[in-house]
Every structure is written in structure tokens, then in C-alpha cells.
């Protein structure tokens, strides 16, 4: 619950203690304003083409692959918000609700590790090149 009127328990010296709920019930969808840049991009651009164009790059056997659309969305966020480090991008994605919403990652889903971008297939040689091709 986000009840700003409720006070946290105070110690004898008046300092408030941090208290956290075990569960929070809210939808990411409801937290992203209609006018947010990523919501506008989601509304006007379909990223479905990514899987189709790259289907030959992925094997049916072996370890499960990371969704190329997810990687593209992450690269686009990095490009739009000036994040040039994959490590920083993953770090920031953990904290930003709108970014999680845009990537389709819920709180119970794992964010790809920053090293994923180092092991990237040829299509992501430069995230900037890929994003420019989309935009």
C-alpha cells in the first residue's frame, strides 16, 4: 500500500524506522503515465519483426536463448537515456518501473546479465547501430 498519511513507528529519540511490507500489490501498467516516452514508443512501434528477422540465428537445441526483442528493448532504453555501459543499464533496469514495463520484465523475472551483451550475436555488434536501424 502507498498510504502517505500512515506514519512509520518512531524510536524513543523520534527517528523513524524503516518498515517494508513483504508484498506490494500493484500493476506496472498502472504506474507508467500515458504520456511517458516508452509508452508512446510501445504504442507506435511493433518490435515483433526482431524475432522473425533473427530466427535463423537461434538454435532449437542447447540452452534457452534470451529473447532478442528483450535485448533490443534494453539497448533502446540505453540509447534513449544515454546509458553507455551494459552493467549500468542492467543496474538501472532493476530500479525503473517504466523500463521494466517496457521490457515486459516483471519483478519475478530475471534481468539478463550484463555479460549477455558481451556474448552477443553479430546483429548486436553495435547496440547504437541496431537502435538507429529501428528508429
Protein backbone atom coordinates (compact mmCIF):
# COMPACT_ATOMS: atom_id res chain seq x y z
CA UNK A 1 0.00 0.00 0.00
CA UNK A 2 1.13 3.53 -0.69
CA UNK A 3 -0.60 5.39 2.11
CA UNK A 4 1.43 8.56 2.67
CA UNK A 5 -0.66 9.50 5.70
CA UNK A 6 0.45 6.49 7.68
CA UNK A 7 3.43 7.14 9.92
CA UNK A 8 6.23 4.71 10.46
CA UNK A 9 6.90 3.62 14.03
CA UNK A 10 9.28 6.00 15.79
CA UNK A 11 12.08 5.19 18.18
CA UNK A 12 12.28 6.96 21.53
CA UNK A 13 14.55 9.61 20.02
CA UNK A 14 11.96 10.44 17.36
CA UNK A 15 13.78 8.78 14.44
CA UNK A 16 11.51 6.77 12.19
CA UNK A 17 12.43 3.19 11.49
CA UNK A 18 12.23 1.79 8.01
CA UNK A 19 9.47 -0.76 7.67
CA UNK A 20 8.81 -2.66 4.49
CA UNK A 21 5.84 -4.75 3.51
CA UNK A 22 6.56 -8.27 2.40
CA UNK A 23 4.31 -7.89 -0.64
CA UNK A 24 3.13 -4.91 -2.64
CA UNK A 25 0.08 -5.24 -4.82
CA UNK A 26 0.19 -3.06 -7.89
CA UNK A 27 0.45 -3.43 -11.65
CA UNK A 28 3.39 -1.99 -13.57
CA UNK A 29 0.89 -0.99 -16.25
CA UNK A 30 -0.78 1.40 -13.81
CA UNK A 31 2.50 3.05 -12.79
CA UNK A 32 3.56 4.28 -16.24
CA UNK A 33 1.89 7.57 -17.28
CA UNK A 34 0.13 7.67 -20.64
CA UNK A 35 2.50 10.42 -21.78
CA UNK A 36 5.71 8.57 -20.91
CA UNK A 37 8.15 8.29 -23.82
CA UNK A 38 8.37 4.49 -23.58
CA UNK A 39 4.59 4.14 -23.58
CA UNK A 40 4.42 6.24 -26.75
CA UNK A 41 7.10 4.09 -28.40
CA UNK A 42 5.23 0.93 -27.37
CA UNK A 43 2.04 2.33 -28.89
CA UNK A 44 3.57 3.24 -32.26
CA UNK A 45 6.35 0.70 -32.88
CA UNK A 46 5.99 -3.05 -33.09
CA UNK A 47 9.13 -4.97 -32.19
CA UNK A 48 7.74 -8.30 -33.40
CA UNK A 49 9.90 -8.13 -36.53
CA UNK A 50 13.03 -8.76 -34.46
CA UNK A 51 12.28 -12.41 -33.78
CA UNK A 52 11.31 -13.04 -37.40
CA UNK A 53 14.47 -11.46 -38.80
CA UNK A 54 16.74 -13.26 -36.37
CA UNK A 55 15.09 -16.69 -36.22
CA UNK A 56 17.89 -18.27 -38.28
CA UNK A 57 20.48 -17.03 -35.76
CA UNK A 58 18.99 -19.09 -32.93
CA UNK A 59 19.23 -22.84 -32.49
CA UNK A 60 16.39 -25.13 -31.44
CA UNK A 61 18.85 -27.12 -29.30
CA UNK A 62 21.08 -26.15 -26.42
CA UNK A 63 20.46 -23.60 -23.71
CA UNK A 64 17.39 -21.40 -23.98
CA UNK A 65 18.20 -18.12 -25.69
CA UNK A 66 17.47 -14.67 -24.39
CA UNK A 67 14.65 -13.07 -26.31
CA UNK A 68 16.18 -10.82 -28.99
CA UNK A 69 13.24 -8.41 -28.65
CA UNK A 70 14.08 -8.01 -24.94
CA UNK A 71 17.72 -7.27 -25.79
CA UNK A 72 16.66 -4.72 -28.40
CA UNK A 73 14.31 -3.04 -25.95
CA UNK A 74 17.11 -2.88 -23.38
CA UNK A 75 19.51 -1.41 -25.95
CA UNK A 76 16.89 1.14 -26.96
CA UNK A 77 16.47 2.22 -23.33
CA UNK A 78 20.23 2.60 -23.03
CA UNK A 79 20.35 4.67 -26.20
CA UNK A 80 17.41 6.91 -25.26
CA UNK A 81 18.64 7.57 -21.74
CA UNK A 82 22.33 7.89 -22.54
CA UNK A 83 23.49 4.76 -20.74
CA UNK A 84 26.64 3.52 -22.44
CA UNK A 85 27.54 0.73 -20.01
CA UNK A 86 25.69 -2.59 -20.16
CA UNK A 87 26.45 -3.11 -16.47
CA UNK A 88 24.88 0.27 -15.63
CA UNK A 89 21.89 -0.48 -17.88
CA UNK A 90 21.15 -3.72 -16.02
CA UNK A 91 21.63 -1.96 -12.68
CA UNK A 92 19.23 0.84 -13.64
CA UNK A 93 16.67 -1.57 -15.10
CA UNK A 94 16.31 -3.11 -11.63
CA UNK A 95 15.05 0.23 -10.29
CA UNK A 96 12.93 1.85 -13.00
CA UNK A 97 9.31 0.77 -13.18
CA UNK A 98 8.73 2.21 -16.65
CA UNK A 99 11.79 0.43 -18.01
CA UNK A 100 10.61 -2.88 -16.55
CA UNK A 101 7.19 -2.31 -18.04
CA UNK A 102 8.67 -1.52 -21.48
CA UNK A 103 10.85 -4.64 -21.47
CA UNK A 104 8.00 -6.80 -20.23
CA UNK A 105 10.01 -7.95 -17.22
CA UNK A 106 8.03 -8.40 -14.04
CA UNK A 107 9.65 -8.28 -10.62
CA UNK A 108 9.71 -12.06 -10.51
CA UNK A 109 11.65 -12.33 -13.79
CA UNK A 110 15.40 -12.28 -14.04
CA UNK A 111 17.08 -9.44 -15.93
CA UNK A 112 19.70 -10.68 -18.40
CA UNK A 113 23.21 -10.30 -17.01
CA UNK A 114 25.38 -7.51 -18.36
CA UNK A 115 27.76 -10.14 -19.74
CA UNK A 116 24.99 -11.20 -22.14
CA UNK A 117 25.86 -8.16 -24.23
CA UNK A 118 29.49 -9.30 -24.47
CA UNK A 119 28.43 -12.70 -25.78
CA UNK A 120 26.07 -11.09 -28.22
CA UNK A 121 25.40 -12.40 -31.70
CA UNK A 122 26.59 -10.49 -34.74
CA UNK A 123 23.36 -8.48 -35.03
CA UNK A 124 24.25 -6.51 -31.91
CA UNK A 125 27.78 -5.60 -32.91
CA UNK A 126 26.83 -2.08 -32.02
CA UNK A 127 23.68 -1.50 -29.99
CA UNK A 128 23.59 2.01 -31.37
CA UNK A 129 23.57 0.69 -34.96
CA UNK A 130 20.67 -1.63 -34.18
CA UNK A 131 18.69 1.09 -32.43
CA UNK A 132 19.31 3.52 -35.29
CA UNK A 133 18.02 0.91 -37.72
CA UNK A 134 14.81 0.64 -35.73
CA UNK A 135 14.34 4.35 -35.12
